[in-house]
Amino acid sequence: MASWKTGRFEKALRCMPLATIAIAYRVSTAATTICALEAAGFKVFSPGFHIANTVPHYALAIGGIGIAVPAVDSAKALELLHSFSSPPPTSGTLGGKLLNGLGWVAFGISTPWPDLLLMERSISSA
């Protein structure tokens, strides 16, 4: 049996175009998303995961932890992730914006951004 580095698997991996379907800003969110996709049978690639896992506060500095799948599976993987997520809360009202601003001025606390940014459509890396 050929090793994946020397056999046909290396050529298949080298020629496989990837598509980024999500960006996570926390290591725990990235790990959960990767596990969910792998459990559903997708091949998941996340090169920034190990950097952020070693130095977690760099996750935002490196632009988040990109989560990619093969481009041919990107639509199905994105559909799976959208089925898990809920729509973001709407804070577009004037009262919501004032309360958010007041919380930031008084306590230094603002409404947090989502931990996982799902793409509307996949971003191909090829």
N, C-alpha and C. Protein backbone atom coordinates (compact mmCIF):
# COMPACT_ATOMS: atom_id res chain seq x y z
N MET A 1 0.84 -1.19 0.00
CA MET A 1 0.00 0.00 0.00
C MET A 1 0.88 1.25 0.00
N ALA A 2 0.59 2.17 -0.83
CA ALA A 2 1.41 3.38 -0.97
C ALA A 2 1.10 4.36 0.14
N SER A 3 2.12 5.06 0.55
CA SER A 3 1.95 6.11 1.55
C SER A 3 1.22 7.29 0.92
N TRP A 4 0.53 8.06 1.74
CA TRP A 4 -0.19 9.21 1.19
C TRP A 4 0.77 10.26 0.66
N LYS A 5 2.02 10.27 1.13
CA LYS A 5 2.98 11.25 0.64
C LYS A 5 3.60 10.86 -0.69
N THR A 6 3.68 9.58 -0.97
CA THR A 6 4.37 9.16 -2.18
C THR A 6 3.44 8.58 -3.22
N GLY A 7 2.22 8.31 -2.87
CA GLY A 7 1.32 7.64 -3.79
C GLY A 7 0.33 8.56 -4.46
N ARG A 8 -0.75 8.00 -4.85
CA ARG A 8 -1.77 8.73 -5.59
C ARG A 8 -2.49 9.76 -4.74
N PHE A 9 -2.45 9.61 -3.40
CA PHE A 9 -3.15 10.55 -2.53
C PHE A 9 -2.50 11.93 -2.54
N GLU A 10 -1.18 11.96 -2.63
CA GLU A 10 -0.48 13.25 -2.67
C GLU A 10 -0.89 14.04 -3.91
N LYS A 11 -0.96 13.37 -5.04
CA LYS A 11 -1.35 14.05 -6.27
C LYS A 11 -2.78 14.55 -6.18
N ALA A 12 -3.66 13.75 -5.58
CA ALA A 12 -5.06 14.17 -5.45
C ALA A 12 -5.18 15.38 -4.53
N LEU A 13 -4.41 15.40 -3.43
CA LEU A 13 -4.48 16.52 -2.50
C LEU A 13 -3.87 17.79 -3.11
N ARG A 14 -2.80 17.63 -3.87
CA ARG A 14 -2.13 18.77 -4.47
C ARG A 14 -3.00 19.44 -5.53
N CYS A 15 -3.80 18.68 -6.22
CA CYS A 15 -4.61 19.21 -7.32
C CYS A 15 -6.02 19.61 -6.90
N MET A 16 -6.36 19.42 -5.64
CA MET A 16 -7.72 19.67 -5.18
C MET A 16 -7.91 21.15 -4.85
N PRO A 17 -8.75 21.86 -5.59
CA PRO A 17 -9.02 23.26 -5.24
C PRO A 17 -9.87 23.34 -3.97
N LEU A 18 -9.50 24.24 -3.09
CA LEU A 18 -10.21 24.40 -1.82
C LEU A 18 -11.06 25.66 -1.85
N ALA A 19 -12.08 25.68 -1.03
CA ALA A 19 -12.96 26.85 -0.90
C ALA A 19 -13.16 27.14 0.58
N THR A 20 -12.89 28.37 0.99
CA THR A 20 -13.11 28.78 2.38
C THR A 20 -14.60 29.03 2.58
N ILE A 21 -15.18 28.32 3.55
CA ILE A 21 -16.62 28.46 3.77
C ILE A 21 -16.94 29.18 5.07
N ALA A 22 -15.96 29.28 5.98
CA ALA A 22 -16.21 29.95 7.25
C ALA A 22 -14.90 30.48 7.83
N ILE A 23 -15.03 31.47 8.69
CA ILE A 23 -13.89 32.00 9.44
C ILE A 23 -14.31 32.06 10.90
N ALA A 24 -13.52 31.40 11.75
CA ALA A 24 -13.80 31.38 13.19
C ALA A 24 -12.83 32.32 13.90
N TYR A 25 -13.29 32.92 14.98
CA TYR A 25 -12.44 33.84 15.73
C TYR A 25 -12.05 33.30 17.10
N ARG A 26 -12.47 32.10 17.43
CA ARG A 26 -12.06 31.42 18.66
C ARG A 26 -11.65 30.00 18.32
N VAL A 27 -10.69 29.50 19.06
CA VAL A 27 -10.20 28.14 18.82
C VAL A 27 -11.31 27.12 19.08
N SER A 28 -12.07 27.32 20.14
CA SER A 28 -13.14 26.37 20.46
C SER A 28 -14.22 26.35 19.38
N THR A 29 -14.54 27.49 18.81
CA THR A 29 -15.52 27.55 17.73
C THR A 29 -14.98 26.86 16.48
N ALA A 30 -13.72 27.08 16.17
CA ALA A 30 -13.11 26.43 15.01
C ALA A 30 -13.09 24.92 15.19
N ALA A 31 -12.71 24.46 16.39
CA ALA A 31 -12.64 23.02 16.65
C ALA A 31 -14.02 22.37 16.54
N THR A 32 -15.04 23.02 17.06
CA THR A 32 -16.40 22.49 16.98
C THR A 32 -16.88 22.43 15.54
N THR A 33 -16.60 23.48 14.78
CA THR A 33 -17.01 23.52 13.37
C THR A 33 -16.28 22.45 12.55
N ILE A 34 -14.98 22.31 12.78
CA ILE A 34 -14.21 21.28 12.07
C ILE A 34 -14.73 19.90 12.41
N CYS A 35 -15.01 19.64 13.68
CA CYS A 35 -15.53 18.33 14.09
C CYS A 35 -16.90 18.04 13.47
N ALA A 36 -17.75 19.06 13.42
CA ALA A 36 -19.08 18.86 12.84
C ALA A 36 -18.98 18.54 11.35
N LEU A 37 -18.10 19.23 10.65
CA LEU A 37 -17.94 18.97 9.22
C LEU A 37 -17.32 17.60 8.97
N GLU A 38 -16.31 17.24 9.77
CA GLU A 38 -15.69 15.92 9.61
C GLU A 38 -16.66 14.80 9.96
N ALA A 39 -17.50 15.02 10.95
CA ALA A 39 -18.50 14.01 11.32
C ALA A 39 -19.52 13.81 10.21
N ALA A 40 -19.76 14.85 9.42
CA ALA A 40 -20.69 14.74 8.30
C ALA A 40 -20.02 14.17 7.06
N GLY A 41 -18.72 13.87 7.13
CA GLY A 41 -18.03 13.22 6.03
C GLY A 41 -17.25 14.14 5.11
N PHE A 42 -17.06 15.40 5.49
CA PHE A 42 -16.31 16.33 4.66
C PHE A 42 -14.83 16.29 5.01
N LYS A 43 -13.96 16.53 4.03
CA LYS A 43 -12.54 16.72 4.27
C LYS A 43 -12.36 18.20 4.59
N VAL A 44 -11.80 18.49 5.76
CA VAL A 44 -11.70 19.87 6.22
C VAL A 44 -10.22 20.26 6.32
N PHE A 45 -9.91 21.45 5.85
CA PHE A 45 -8.55 21.98 5.90
C PHE A 45 -8.59 23.32 6.63
N SER A 46 -7.75 23.46 7.65
CA SER A 46 -7.71 24.69 8.41
C SER A 46 -6.27 24.96 8.86
N PRO A 47 -5.45 25.52 7.97
CA PRO A 47 -4.04 25.71 8.30
C PRO A 47 -3.79 26.69 9.43
N GLY A 48 -4.65 27.66 9.65
CA GLY A 48 -4.45 28.63 10.73
C GLY A 48 -4.85 28.11 12.10
N PHE A 49 -5.44 26.93 12.15
CA PHE A 49 -5.93 26.40 13.43
C PHE A 49 -4.78 26.16 14.41
N HIS A 50 -3.69 25.60 13.94
CA HIS A 50 -2.59 25.27 14.85
C HIS A 50 -1.88 26.52 15.36
N ILE A 51 -1.81 27.55 14.54
CA ILE A 51 -1.22 28.82 15.01
C ILE A 51 -2.09 29.40 16.11
N ALA A 52 -3.39 29.46 15.88
CA ALA A 52 -4.30 30.03 16.87
C ALA A 52 -4.40 29.14 18.10
N ASN A 53 -4.24 27.84 17.95
CA ASN A 53 -4.28 26.94 19.10
C ASN A 53 -3.04 27.13 19.97
N THR A 54 -1.91 27.44 19.35
CA THR A 54 -0.68 27.66 20.11
C THR A 54 -0.70 29.03 20.78
N VAL A 55 -1.14 30.04 20.06
CA VAL A 55 -1.18 31.40 20.58
C VAL A 55 -2.60 31.94 20.33
N PRO A 56 -3.56 31.65 21.24
CA PRO A 56 -4.97 31.95 20.97
C PRO A 56 -5.28 33.43 20.73
N HIS A 57 -4.54 34.32 21.35
CA HIS A 57 -4.86 35.74 21.16
C HIS A 57 -4.42 36.26 19.79
N TYR A 58 -3.75 35.46 18.99
CA TYR A 58 -3.39 35.84 17.63
C TYR A 58 -4.49 35.53 16.61
N ALA A 59 -5.55 34.87 17.04
CA ALA A 59 -6.60 34.47 16.10
C ALA A 59 -7.17 35.68 15.36
N LEU A 60 -7.38 36.76 16.05
CA LEU A 60 -7.90 37.96 15.41
C LEU A 60 -6.83 38.64 14.56
N ALA A 61 -5.58 38.58 15.01
CA ALA A 61 -4.49 39.22 14.28
C ALA A 61 -4.22 38.56 12.93
N ILE A 62 -4.43 37.25 12.84
CA ILE A 62 -4.19 36.56 11.57
C ILE A 62 -5.44 36.56 10.68
N GLY A 63 -6.45 37.28 11.10
CA GLY A 63 -7.66 37.40 10.28
C GLY A 63 -8.66 36.30 10.52
N GLY A 64 -8.56 35.64 11.65
CA GLY A 64 -9.47 34.55 11.96
C GLY A 64 -8.91 33.23 11.48
N ILE A 65 -9.58 32.17 11.85
CA ILE A 65 -9.15 30.82 11.49
C ILE A 65 -10.00 30.37 10.31
N GLY A 66 -9.40 30.33 9.14
CA GLY A 66 -10.13 29.93 7.94
C GLY A 66 -10.44 28.44 7.95
N ILE A 67 -11.65 28.10 7.56
CA ILE A 67 -12.09 26.71 7.48
C ILE A 67 -12.47 26.46 6.03
N ALA A 68 -11.74 25.53 5.39
CA ALA A 68 -11.93 25.26 3.96
C ALA A 68 -12.27 23.79 3.73
N VAL A 69 -12.98 23.56 2.66
CA VAL A 69 -13.32 22.21 2.20
C VAL A 69 -13.02 22.15 0.70
N PRO A 70 -12.97 20.96 0.11
CA PRO A 70 -12.82 20.90 -1.35
C PRO A 70 -13.94 21.68 -2.04
N ALA A 71 -13.59 22.37 -3.11
CA ALA A 71 -14.54 23.25 -3.78
C ALA A 71 -15.78 22.52 -4.26
N VAL A 72 -15.65 21.24 -4.63
CA VAL A 72 -16.81 20.50 -5.12
C VAL A 72 -17.82 20.23 -4.00
N ASP A 73 -17.37 20.24 -2.75
CA ASP A 73 -18.26 19.97 -1.60
C ASP A 73 -18.66 21.24 -0.86
N SER A 74 -18.22 22.40 -1.33
CA SER A 74 -18.42 23.62 -0.55
C SER A 74 -19.89 23.99 -0.36
N ALA A 75 -20.71 23.81 -1.37
CA ALA A 75 -22.13 24.17 -1.25
C ALA A 75 -22.82 23.30 -0.20
N LYS A 76 -22.55 22.00 -0.20
CA LYS A 76 -23.18 21.12 0.78
C LYS A 76 -22.68 21.41 2.19
N ALA A 77 -21.37 21.68 2.34
CA ALA A 77 -20.81 21.98 3.66
C ALA A 77 -21.37 23.30 4.19
N LEU A 78 -21.48 24.28 3.33
CA LEU A 78 -22.03 25.57 3.74
C LEU A 78 -23.50 25.44 4.13
N GLU A 79 -24.23 24.62 3.40
CA GLU A 79 -25.63 24.37 3.73
C GLU A 79 -25.74 23.71 5.11
N LEU A 80 -24.83 22.78 5.41
CA LEU A 80 -24.83 22.13 6.72
C LEU A 80 -24.57 23.14 7.83
N LEU A 81 -23.59 24.00 7.65
CA LEU A 81 -23.29 25.00 8.68
C LEU A 81 -24.42 26.01 8.85
N HIS A 82 -25.05 26.39 7.75
CA HIS A 82 -26.19 27.32 7.85
C HIS A 82 -27.37 26.66 8.58
N SER A 83 -27.49 25.34 8.47
CA SER A 83 -28.59 24.66 9.17
C SER A 83 -28.37 24.64 10.68
N PHE A 84 -27.12 24.72 11.12
CA PHE A 84 -26.82 24.76 12.56
C PHE A 84 -26.96 26.15 13.16
N SER A 85 -26.70 27.17 12.36
CA SER A 85 -26.64 28.52 12.90
C SER A 85 -28.00 29.19 12.90
N SER A 86 -28.14 30.12 13.80
CA SER A 86 -29.37 30.92 13.84
C SER A 86 -29.07 32.28 13.22
N PRO A 87 -30.08 32.96 12.74
CA PRO A 87 -29.82 34.28 12.16
C PRO A 87 -29.32 35.24 13.24
N PRO A 88 -28.43 36.14 12.88
CA PRO A 88 -27.91 37.08 13.87
C PRO A 88 -29.02 37.99 14.40
N PRO A 89 -28.94 38.35 15.69
CA PRO A 89 -29.96 39.24 16.22
C PRO A 89 -29.88 40.61 15.57
N THR A 90 -31.01 41.19 15.34
CA THR A 90 -31.03 42.51 14.71
C THR A 90 -30.89 43.57 15.79
N SER A 91 -29.86 44.37 15.66
CA SER A 91 -29.65 45.46 16.61
C SER A 91 -29.68 46.78 15.86
N GLY A 92 -30.43 46.81 14.79
CA GLY A 92 -30.48 47.99 13.95
C GLY A 92 -31.41 49.08 14.46
N THR A 93 -32.16 48.80 15.53
CA THR A 93 -33.06 49.83 16.05
C THR A 93 -32.25 50.91 16.75
N LEU A 94 -32.82 52.07 16.83
CA LEU A 94 -32.13 53.19 17.47
C LEU A 94 -31.91 52.91 18.95
N GLY A 95 -32.89 52.30 19.61
CA GLY A 95 -32.74 51.98 21.03
C GLY A 95 -31.62 50.98 21.28
N GLY A 96 -31.50 49.98 20.40
CA GLY A 96 -30.43 48.99 20.54
C GLY A 96 -29.06 49.61 20.35
N LYS A 97 -28.95 50.51 19.39
CA LYS A 97 -27.68 51.18 19.16
C LYS A 97 -27.31 52.10 20.31
N LEU A 98 -28.31 52.78 20.87
CA LEU A 98 -28.03 53.66 22.02
C LEU A 98 -27.61 52.86 23.25
N LEU A 99 -28.29 51.74 23.50
CA LEU A 99 -27.90 50.90 24.64
C LEU A 99 -26.51 50.31 24.45
N ASN A 100 -26.18 49.91 23.24
CA ASN A 100 -24.85 49.38 22.95
C ASN A 100 -23.79 50.46 23.17
N GLY A 101 -24.04 51.67 22.69
CA GLY A 101 -23.11 52.78 22.90
C GLY A 101 -22.98 53.16 24.36
N LEU A 102 -24.10 53.15 25.08
CA LEU A 102 -24.06 53.47 26.51
C LEU A 102 -23.27 52.41 27.28
N GLY A 103 -23.45 51.16 26.94
CA GLY A 103 -22.70 50.08 27.59
C GLY A 103 -21.22 50.20 27.32
N TRP A 104 -20.85 50.63 26.10
CA TRP A 104 -19.44 50.78 25.77
C TRP A 104 -18.83 51.97 26.51
N VAL A 105 -19.55 53.10 26.58
CA VAL A 105 -19.03 54.29 27.24
C VAL A 105 -18.95 54.07 28.75
N ALA A 106 -19.98 53.50 29.34
CA ALA A 106 -20.03 53.36 30.79
C ALA A 106 -19.16 52.23 31.32
N PHE A 107 -19.15 51.10 30.63
CA PHE A 107 -18.49 49.92 31.18
C PHE A 107 -17.39 49.36 30.29
N GLY A 108 -17.21 49.90 29.10
CA GLY A 108 -16.22 49.36 28.19
C GLY A 108 -16.64 48.04 27.57
N ILE A 109 -17.95 47.78 27.57
CA ILE A 109 -18.49 46.52 27.05
C ILE A 109 -19.38 46.83 25.86
N SER A 110 -19.19 46.10 24.79
CA SER A 110 -20.00 46.27 23.61
C SER A 110 -20.61 44.93 23.23
N THR A 111 -21.55 44.95 22.33
CA THR A 111 -22.14 43.71 21.83
C THR A 111 -21.05 42.92 21.12
N PRO A 112 -20.84 41.66 21.48
CA PRO A 112 -19.78 40.89 20.82
C PRO A 112 -20.14 40.53 19.38
N TRP A 113 -19.12 40.38 18.55
CA TRP A 113 -19.36 39.94 17.19
C TRP A 113 -19.53 38.43 17.19
N PRO A 114 -20.08 37.87 16.15
CA PRO A 114 -20.26 36.42 16.10
C PRO A 114 -18.92 35.69 16.10
N ASP A 115 -18.88 34.53 16.74
CA ASP A 115 -17.65 33.73 16.79
C ASP A 115 -17.34 33.07 15.46
N LEU A 116 -18.37 32.80 14.66
CA LEU A 116 -18.18 32.11 13.40
C LEU A 116 -18.82 32.92 12.28
N LEU A 117 -18.01 33.31 11.33
CA LEU A 117 -18.50 34.06 10.17
C LEU A 117 -18.71 33.08 9.03
N LEU A 118 -19.96 32.86 8.66
CA LEU A 118 -20.27 31.96 7.54
C LEU A 118 -20.35 32.77 6.26
N MET A 119 -19.76 32.24 5.23
CA MET A 119 -19.78 32.91 3.94
C MET A 119 -21.14 32.74 3.28
N GLU A 120 -21.56 33.73 2.54
CA GLU A 120 -22.80 33.60 1.77
C GLU A 120 -22.60 32.59 0.64
N ARG A 121 -21.41 32.64 0.07
CA ARG A 121 -21.00 31.62 -0.91
C ARG A 121 -19.52 31.38 -0.65
N SER A 122 -19.05 30.24 -1.04
CA SER A 122 -17.68 29.86 -0.74
C SER A 122 -16.68 30.73 -1.51
N ILE A 123 -15.53 30.93 -0.91
CA ILE A 123 -14.44 31.68 -1.53
C ILE A 123 -13.42 30.66 -2.00
N SER A 124 -13.24 30.56 -3.29
CA SER A 124 -12.32 29.56 -3.84
C SER A 124 -10.90 30.06 -3.74
N SER A 125 -10.01 29.14 -3.38
CA SER A 125 -8.60 29.49 -3.28
C SER A 125 -7.83 29.14 -4.54
N ALA A 126 -8.51 28.58 -5.51
CA ALA A 126 -7.82 28.19 -6.75
C ALA A 126 -8.10 29.17 -7.87
